[in-house]
Protein backbone atom coordinates (compact mmCIF):
# COMPACT_ATOMS: atom_id res chain seq x y z
CA MET A 1 -63.36 2.91 24.82
CA LYS A 2 -62.71 4.43 21.39
CA LEU A 3 -60.03 6.65 22.87
CA SER A 4 -58.19 3.71 24.45
CA LYS A 5 -58.23 1.78 21.13
CA ILE A 6 -56.75 4.78 19.31
CA PHE A 7 -54.15 5.19 22.06
CA LEU A 8 -53.27 1.46 21.94
CA SER A 9 -53.01 1.59 18.13
CA LEU A 10 -50.63 4.57 18.34
CA ILE A 11 -48.42 2.72 20.83
CA ILE A 12 -48.23 -0.37 18.58
CA ILE A 13 -47.43 1.73 15.48
CA SER A 14 -44.77 3.67 17.43
CA ALA A 15 -43.16 0.42 18.56
CA PHE A 16 -42.91 -0.82 14.94
CA VAL A 17 -41.43 2.48 13.75
CA PHE A 18 -38.95 2.58 16.65
CA ASN A 19 -37.82 -1.01 16.04
CA ALA A 20 -37.48 -0.40 12.29
CA CYS A 21 -35.13 2.51 13.00
CA LYS A 22 -33.05 0.38 15.39
CA ASP A 23 -32.58 -2.30 12.68
CA GLU A 24 -31.33 0.34 10.25
CA ASP A 25 -28.75 1.49 12.82
CA LYS A 26 -27.32 -2.05 13.09
CA LYS A 27 -26.53 -2.39 9.38
CA PRO A 28 -22.85 -1.94 8.46
CA ASP A 29 -21.82 1.22 6.69
CA PRO A 30 -22.26 0.35 2.98
CA THR A 31 -19.71 2.99 1.90
CA GLY A 32 -16.94 1.39 3.98
CA ASN A 33 -15.58 4.74 5.10
CA LYS A 34 -12.19 3.58 6.39
CA THR A 35 -9.18 5.83 6.62
CA ASN A 36 -6.13 4.96 4.56
CA THR A 37 -4.39 3.96 7.80
CA GLN A 38 -7.15 1.44 8.54
CA LYS A 39 -6.91 0.03 5.00
CA LEU A 40 -3.11 -0.19 5.05
CA ALA A 41 -1.87 -1.08 8.53
CA GLY A 42 -1.49 -4.67 9.66
CA TYR A 43 -1.85 -6.36 6.27
CA ASN A 44 0.64 -8.17 4.00
CA TRP A 45 1.33 -6.25 0.78
CA LEU A 46 3.09 -7.72 -2.28
CA LEU A 47 4.66 -5.45 -4.88
CA THR A 48 2.98 -6.69 -8.07
CA LYS A 49 3.91 -3.91 -10.48
CA ALA A 50 6.49 -1.10 -10.60
CA THR A 51 6.52 0.72 -13.94
CA PHE A 52 9.07 3.39 -14.92
CA ILE A 53 7.62 6.54 -16.49
CA PRO A 54 9.53 7.24 -18.73
CA PRO A 55 11.37 3.94 -19.20
CA ILE A 56 14.99 3.91 -18.10
CA VAL A 57 17.38 3.75 -21.05
CA THR A 58 21.01 3.07 -20.24
CA THR A 59 24.17 1.82 -21.94
CA ILE A 60 26.41 -0.79 -20.39
CA GLY A 61 29.49 -1.42 -22.48
CA ALA A 62 28.40 -1.39 -26.13
CA GLN A 63 24.84 -2.55 -25.36
CA ASN A 64 21.75 -0.38 -24.80
CA PHE A 65 19.12 -1.47 -22.27
CA THR A 66 15.58 -0.22 -21.77
CA PHE A 67 13.85 -1.00 -18.48
CA ASN A 68 10.07 -0.53 -18.36
CA GLU A 69 9.57 -2.34 -15.05
CA LEU A 70 11.56 -2.48 -11.83
CA PHE A 71 11.67 -6.28 -11.97
CA GLU A 72 13.47 -6.11 -15.34
CA ILE A 73 16.59 -4.65 -13.71
CA PRO A 74 19.13 -7.50 -13.33
CA LEU A 75 20.01 -6.39 -9.78
CA ILE A 76 16.55 -7.52 -8.58
CA GLU A 77 16.77 -11.21 -7.65
CA ASN A 78 13.86 -13.68 -7.85
CA CYS A 79 14.06 -14.20 -4.08
CA GLN A 80 13.19 -10.50 -3.62
CA LYS A 81 10.10 -10.56 -5.84
CA ASP A 82 7.90 -12.51 -3.42
CA ASN A 83 8.73 -10.42 -0.34
CA LEU A 84 5.76 -9.03 1.58
CA ILE A 85 5.79 -5.70 3.36
CA ILE A 86 3.69 -5.09 6.44
CA PHE A 87 2.96 -1.51 7.49
CA ASN A 88 2.55 -1.96 11.26
CA SER A 89 0.14 0.23 13.22
CA ASP A 90 3.06 1.53 15.35
CA SER A 91 4.58 3.15 12.20
CA THR A 92 7.27 0.49 11.80
CA MET A 93 7.52 -1.87 8.85
CA THR A 94 8.17 -5.60 8.74
CA ILE A 95 9.41 -7.58 5.75
CA ASP A 96 8.34 -11.19 5.26
CA ASN A 97 10.94 -12.73 2.96
CA GLY A 98 8.39 -14.97 1.23
CA THR A 99 8.84 -18.53 0.02
CA LEU A 100 12.10 -17.83 -1.87
CA LYS A 101 14.63 -16.51 0.61
CA CYS A 102 17.93 -14.93 -0.39
CA GLY A 103 20.63 -16.73 1.57
CA THR A 104 20.25 -17.19 5.31
CA GLU A 105 18.15 -14.12 6.04
CA PRO A 106 15.41 -14.50 8.67
CA GLN A 107 11.82 -15.12 7.55
CA THR A 108 10.69 -11.76 8.95
CA ALA A 109 12.64 -8.66 9.86
CA LYS A 110 11.91 -5.13 11.02
CA ASP A 111 12.48 -2.69 8.17
CA GLY A 112 12.32 1.04 8.73
CA ASN A 113 9.43 3.36 9.49
CA TRP A 114 6.44 4.79 7.67
CA ARG A 115 3.91 7.55 8.19
CA PHE A 116 1.20 9.25 6.21
CA VAL A 117 1.72 12.92 5.33
CA ASN A 118 -0.45 15.54 3.59
CA ASN A 119 -3.84 14.20 4.73
CA GLU A 120 -2.96 10.58 3.94
CA THR A 121 -2.13 11.35 0.29
CA GLN A 122 1.56 10.49 0.70
CA ILE A 123 3.54 7.88 2.59
CA GLU A 124 6.98 8.80 3.91
CA ILE A 125 9.26 5.79 4.36
CA THR A 126 12.56 6.11 6.21
CA ASN A 127 15.53 3.80 6.82
CA SER A 128 14.12 0.89 4.80
CA ALA A 129 16.23 -1.83 3.22
CA TYR A 130 13.17 -2.80 1.13
CA PHE A 131 13.03 0.65 -0.51
CA SER A 132 16.83 1.19 -0.53
CA LEU A 133 17.04 0.77 -4.31
CA ILE A 134 15.10 4.04 -4.53
CA SER A 135 16.77 5.83 -1.62
CA ALA A 136 18.69 4.71 1.43
CA ASN A 137 17.27 7.40 3.71
CA LYS A 138 13.78 8.57 2.72
CA VAL A 139 11.19 7.71 0.05
CA ILE A 140 7.96 9.64 -0.51
CA ILE A 141 5.22 7.68 -2.25
CA ASP A 142 2.81 10.24 -3.67
CA GLN A 143 -0.72 10.07 -5.11
CA ILE A 144 -1.64 7.22 -2.74
CA VAL A 145 -4.86 5.36 -3.55
CA ILE A 146 -5.74 2.47 -1.24
CA THR A 147 -8.68 0.11 -1.66
CA ASP A 148 -9.47 -3.04 0.31
CA THR A 149 -7.28 -5.07 -2.09
CA GLU A 150 -4.73 -2.69 -3.66
CA MET A 151 -2.45 0.25 -2.98
CA LYS A 152 -1.12 2.46 -5.77
CA GLY A 153 1.29 5.35 -5.69
CA VAL A 154 4.17 7.03 -7.48
CA THR A 155 7.65 8.14 -6.45
CA ASP A 156 10.67 9.78 -8.04
CA TYR A 157 13.56 7.53 -8.97
CA VAL A 158 17.13 8.22 -10.07
CA PHE A 159 18.87 5.28 -11.74
CA THR A 160 22.67 5.46 -11.65
CA ASN A 161 24.45 3.41 -14.30
CA PRO A 162 26.82 1.19 -12.29
CA ILE A 163 29.61 1.53 -14.88
CA THR A 164 29.42 5.11 -16.15
CA GLN A 165 27.75 6.66 -13.07
CA VAL A 166 25.38 8.52 -15.46
CA GLU A 167 22.06 9.26 -13.78
CA THR A 168 18.64 8.83 -15.40
CA THR A 169 15.62 10.41 -13.71
CA SER A 170 12.25 8.67 -13.86
CA LYS A 171 9.16 7.97 -11.78
CA ILE A 172 7.98 4.58 -10.54
CA ASN A 173 4.27 3.81 -10.52
CA PHE A 174 3.74 1.19 -7.79
CA THR A 175 0.95 -1.33 -7.38
CA PHE A 176 0.87 -3.40 -4.20
CA THR A 177 -1.70 -6.17 -3.77
CA LYS A 178 -3.03 -7.21 -0.35
CA LYS A 179 -2.27 -10.87 0.43
């Protein structure tokens, strides 16, 4: 009789321990170990900051200009500032032209290709109208850091004065915010 009570007690204790372990397995991963691709692809991203390091200093006519931010350059129109970029999971990109559209452009349009390189620390963007101010063919965004709400990175930039054709080399520090 004593032996059966001990045996029954061990079975009940084992059941509690086994069920406790199963509940632990069902909890979501608290560290949120997603790859950069999982954090980036399929979401709407808005360029919220693009800082020149060092600032671009240029002369047009008799006047000197200093540009600290990409949006300070007069060539960037207000209708471009609310555009969203979507990095699609098939390595293409889509642009959503936002609330303020420039002219008769469609609301959304395919826009080039993207891919991660160097263990997801860089994004290579090719044939993109969105990034054409930086380069018409290929842009490498380096030092990529992606969270659930933000993406940051840096790229080289060469500003060519439209009048004198003098080039100024800088870097752009990007911040995109998930919308």
